[in-house]
Amino acid sequence: MVTTVLRAGPLRSSHCYAMSLASIGLCIGLWIRAKTVDQEERGNAERRALFVGLWPPMFWLIGDSLARHE
């Protein structure tokens, strides 16, 4: 049911795969940036990087679901 709603829009499986790879790059970038901030802000910056690091599997699985129903 959810895939039929997603397929009605312009979102395709290749878009989800690209978002998954882009979020991996964003996570790595945020993690590297977290090492450059001072100690008071480092915890917040690392949590932000870890939060973004949770996105790739979700985007990849949504892309797999869309590819299976194409």
C-alpha atoms as a PDB file:
ATOM      1  CA  MET A   1       0.000   0.000   0.000  1.00  0.00           C
ATOM      2  CA  VAL A   2       2.762   2.446   0.878  1.00  0.00           C
ATOM      3  CA  THR A   3       4.661   1.609  -2.304  1.00  0.00           C
ATOM      4  CA  THR A   4       1.607   2.389  -4.434  1.00  0.00           C
ATOM      5  CA  VAL A   5       1.392   5.814  -2.801  1.00  0.00           C
ATOM      6  CA  LEU A   6       5.118   6.402  -3.362  1.00  0.00           C
ATOM      7  CA  ARG A   7       4.894   5.238  -6.970  1.00  0.00           C
ATOM      8  CA  ALA A   8       2.121   7.747  -7.641  1.00  0.00           C
ATOM      9  CA  GLY A   9       4.671  10.540  -7.124  1.00  0.00           C
ATOM     10  CA  PRO A  10       7.883  11.232  -8.999  1.00  0.00           C
ATOM     11  CA  LEU A  11      10.023   9.155  -6.574  1.00  0.00           C
ATOM     12  CA  ARG A  12      11.794   6.171  -8.189  1.00  0.00           C
ATOM     13  CA  SER A  13      14.072   3.500  -6.801  1.00  0.00           C
ATOM     14  CA  SER A  14      17.178   5.078  -8.329  1.00  0.00           C
ATOM     15  CA  HIS A  15      16.399   8.307  -6.457  1.00  0.00           C
ATOM     16  CA  CYS A  16      16.239   6.404  -3.175  1.00  0.00           C
ATOM     17  CA  TYR A  17      19.534   4.636  -3.883  1.00  0.00           C
ATOM     18  CA  ALA A  18      21.158   7.993  -4.657  1.00  0.00           C
ATOM     19  CA  MET A  19      19.760   9.502  -1.440  1.00  0.00           C
ATOM     20  CA  SER A  20      21.151   6.541   0.482  1.00  0.00           C
ATOM     21  CA  LEU A  21      24.640   7.038  -0.902  1.00  0.00           C
ATOM     22  CA  ALA A  22      24.418  10.804  -0.425  1.00  0.00           C
ATOM     23  CA  SER A  23      23.432  10.392   3.214  1.00  0.00           C
ATOM     24  CA  ILE A  24      26.476   8.164   3.769  1.00  0.00           C
ATOM     25  CA  GLY A  25      28.640  10.957   2.386  1.00  0.00           C
ATOM     26  CA  LEU A  26      26.830  13.522   4.523  1.00  0.00           C
ATOM     27  CA  CYS A  27      27.340  11.387   7.622  1.00  0.00           C
ATOM     28  CA  ILE A  28      31.061  11.073   6.951  1.00  0.00           C
ATOM     29  CA  GLY A  29      31.304  14.807   6.319  1.00  0.00           C
ATOM     30  CA  LEU A  30      29.473  15.632   9.544  1.00  0.00           C
ATOM     31  CA  TRP A  31      31.633  13.187  11.476  1.00  0.00           C
ATOM     32  CA  ILE A  32      34.825  14.774  10.146  1.00  0.00           C
ATOM     33  CA  ARG A  33      33.452  18.221  10.927  1.00  0.00           C
ATOM     34  CA  ALA A  34      32.639  17.071  14.476  1.00  0.00           C
ATOM     35  CA  LYS A  35      36.336  16.484  15.056  1.00  0.00           C
ATOM     36  CA  THR A  36      37.097  20.144  14.242  1.00  0.00           C
ATOM     37  CA  VAL A  37      34.687  21.811  16.697  1.00  0.00           C
ATOM     38  CA  ASP A  38      35.547  22.514  20.310  1.00  0.00           C
ATOM     39  CA  GLN A  39      34.865  20.044  23.097  1.00  0.00           C
ATOM     40  CA  GLU A  40      31.612  21.690  24.237  1.00  0.00           C
ATOM     41  CA  GLU A  41      29.936  21.262  20.832  1.00  0.00           C
ATOM     42  CA  ARG A  42      31.541  17.962  19.846  1.00  0.00           C
ATOM     43  CA  GLY A  43      28.896  15.737  21.475  1.00  0.00           C
ATOM     44  CA  ASN A  44      26.103  17.515  19.642  1.00  0.00           C
ATOM     45  CA  ALA A  45      27.951  17.336  16.331  1.00  0.00           C
ATOM     46  CA  GLU A  46      28.667  13.615  16.765  1.00  0.00           C
ATOM     47  CA  ARG A  47      25.006  12.909  17.594  1.00  0.00           C
ATOM     48  CA  ARG A  48      23.996  14.782  14.450  1.00  0.00           C
ATOM     49  CA  ALA A  49      26.365  12.641  12.374  1.00  0.00           C
ATOM     50  CA  LEU A  50      25.030   9.442  13.953  1.00  0.00           C
ATOM     51  CA  PHE A  51      21.435  10.549  13.320  1.00  0.00           C
ATOM     52  CA  VAL A  52      22.179  11.097   9.635  1.00  0.00           C
ATOM     53  CA  GLY A  53      23.981   7.740   9.634  1.00  0.00           C
ATOM     54  CA  LEU A  54      20.655   6.025  10.348  1.00  0.00           C
ATOM     55  CA  TRP A  55      19.134   7.230   7.080  1.00  0.00           C
ATOM     56  CA  PRO A  56      20.943   5.086   4.440  1.00  0.00           C
ATOM     57  CA  PRO A  57      19.302   1.740   5.277  1.00  0.00           C
ATOM     58  CA  MET A  58      15.867   3.351   5.264  1.00  0.00           C
ATOM     59  CA  PHE A  59      16.377   4.960   1.850  1.00  0.00           C
ATOM     60  CA  TRP A  60      17.886   1.756   0.449  1.00  0.00           C
ATOM     61  CA  LEU A  61      14.964  -0.391   1.643  1.00  0.00           C
ATOM     62  CA  ILE A  62      12.426   2.081   0.265  1.00  0.00           C
ATOM     63  CA  GLY A  63      14.310   1.913  -3.053  1.00  0.00           C
ATOM     64  CA  ASP A  64      14.214  -1.899  -2.962  1.00  0.00           C
ATOM     65  CA  SER A  65      10.467  -1.827  -2.336  1.00  0.00           C
ATOM     66  CA  LEU A  66       9.909   0.548  -5.221  1.00  0.00           C
ATOM     67  CA  ALA A  67      12.133  -1.546  -7.524  1.00  0.00           C
ATOM     68  CA  ARG A  68      10.240  -4.697  -6.628  1.00  0.00           C
ATOM     69  CA  HIS A  69       6.921  -3.111  -7.604  1.00  0.00           C
ATOM     70  CA  GLU A  70       8.057  -1.503 -10.869  1.00  0.00           C
END
